[in-house]
Protein backbone atom coordinates (compact mmCIF):
# COMPACT_ATOMS: atom_id res chain seq x y z
CA MET A 1 8.66 -10.28 3.20
CA GLU A 2 7.04 -8.29 6.02
CA LYS A 3 3.41 -9.10 6.82
CA ILE A 4 1.05 -6.62 8.47
CA LYS A 5 -2.49 -6.91 9.78
CA PHE A 6 -5.22 -4.42 8.92
CA THR A 7 -8.55 -4.06 10.73
CA PHE A 8 -11.46 -2.53 8.84
CA GLU A 9 -13.14 0.12 11.01
CA ASP A 10 -16.68 -0.57 9.87
CA THR A 11 -16.64 -4.37 10.23
CA ASN A 12 -13.68 -5.05 12.57
CA GLU A 13 -12.62 -7.68 10.03
CA GLU A 14 -8.88 -8.39 10.09
CA VAL A 15 -6.88 -9.01 6.91
CA GLU A 16 -3.18 -9.71 6.56
CA PHE A 17 -1.11 -8.29 3.70
CA PHE A 18 2.47 -8.72 2.59
CA VAL A 19 4.31 -5.41 2.22
CA LEU A 20 6.17 -5.40 -1.10
CA GLU A 21 7.58 -1.87 -0.85
CA GLN A 22 7.07 1.45 0.88
CA THR A 23 7.92 5.02 -0.04
CA ARG A 24 7.34 8.61 1.02
CA ILE A 25 6.15 11.18 -1.53
CA SER A 26 5.35 14.81 -0.72
CA GLY A 27 5.23 14.06 2.98
CA LYS A 28 2.84 11.11 2.66
CA ASN A 29 3.71 7.45 3.29
CA TYR A 30 2.60 4.87 0.74
CA ILE A 31 2.84 1.09 0.84
CA LEU A 32 2.42 -1.48 -1.91
CA VAL A 33 0.75 -4.59 -0.48
CA THR A 34 -0.52 -7.94 -1.68
CA ASP A 35 -2.51 -10.72 -0.04
CA SER A 36 -0.42 -13.48 -1.66
CA GLU A 37 3.21 -14.30 -2.44
CA GLU A 38 2.22 -15.69 -5.85
CA ASP A 39 3.67 -14.08 -9.01
CA GLU A 40 0.25 -13.10 -10.38
CA ALA A 41 -1.06 -11.67 -7.10
CA GLU A 42 -3.33 -8.63 -6.88
CA CYS A 43 -1.74 -5.53 -5.33
CA LEU A 44 -3.06 -2.43 -3.61
CA ILE A 45 -1.40 0.92 -3.07
CA LEU A 46 -2.32 2.32 0.33
CA LYS A 47 -1.73 5.83 1.68
CA ASP A 48 -1.20 6.60 5.37
CA THR A 49 -3.85 9.17 6.27
CA SER A 50 -3.30 9.21 10.04
CA ALA A 51 -2.33 12.32 11.94
CA ALA A 52 1.12 12.60 13.51
CA GLU A 53 -0.35 12.23 17.01
CA ASP A 54 -2.30 9.05 16.15
CA VAL A 55 -1.10 5.91 17.93
CA GLU A 56 -1.96 3.62 15.01
CA SER A 57 -1.60 4.24 11.30
CA VAL A 58 -4.72 4.64 9.18
CA TYR A 59 -4.41 3.53 5.57
CA GLU A 60 -6.76 4.12 2.66
CA ILE A 61 -6.66 2.64 -0.83
CA VAL A 62 -5.37 5.19 -3.35
CA GLU A 63 -8.24 5.69 -5.81
CA ASP A 64 -7.39 9.04 -7.44
CA GLU A 65 -6.09 8.07 -10.89
CA ALA A 66 -3.41 10.77 -11.15
CA GLU A 67 -2.10 10.02 -7.66
CA LEU A 68 -2.24 6.27 -8.33
CA LEU A 69 -0.26 6.54 -11.57
CA GLY A 70 2.38 8.75 -9.94
CA VAL A 71 2.90 6.44 -6.98
CA LEU A 72 2.79 3.38 -9.22
CA LYS A 73 5.65 4.81 -11.29
CA VAL A 74 7.76 5.24 -8.13
CA PHE A 75 7.06 1.67 -7.01
CA GLU A 76 7.96 0.33 -10.47
CA GLU A 77 11.33 2.12 -10.23
CA LEU A 78 11.93 0.78 -6.72
CA LEU A 79 10.98 -2.77 -7.77
CA GLU A 80 12.92 -3.06 -11.02
CA ASP A 81 12.16 -6.76 -11.54
CA VAL A 82 8.40 -6.49 -10.88
CA ASP A 83 5.79 -5.69 -13.52
CA ILE A 84 2.79 -3.84 -12.05
CA GLU A 85 -0.37 -3.47 -14.11
CA LEU A 86 -3.53 -1.45 -13.33
């Protein structure tokens, strides 16, 4: 499982996440990440909000409920053996 490091802009705190899956919907990149490899781990869906000319990607947590449910459905289809709950 791929592991990536995120740095929070406001605190410069670094956190590592495991990338479970990634997809592209309507021209936007989304990743499903977790901070643990445990079966009951918490997950986040992140959306790449960076501009094409940006050197580094900028990700934000998807909070809009309609968007979250739509992307969640795609990830559930991609990860057939994984049960994702809100």
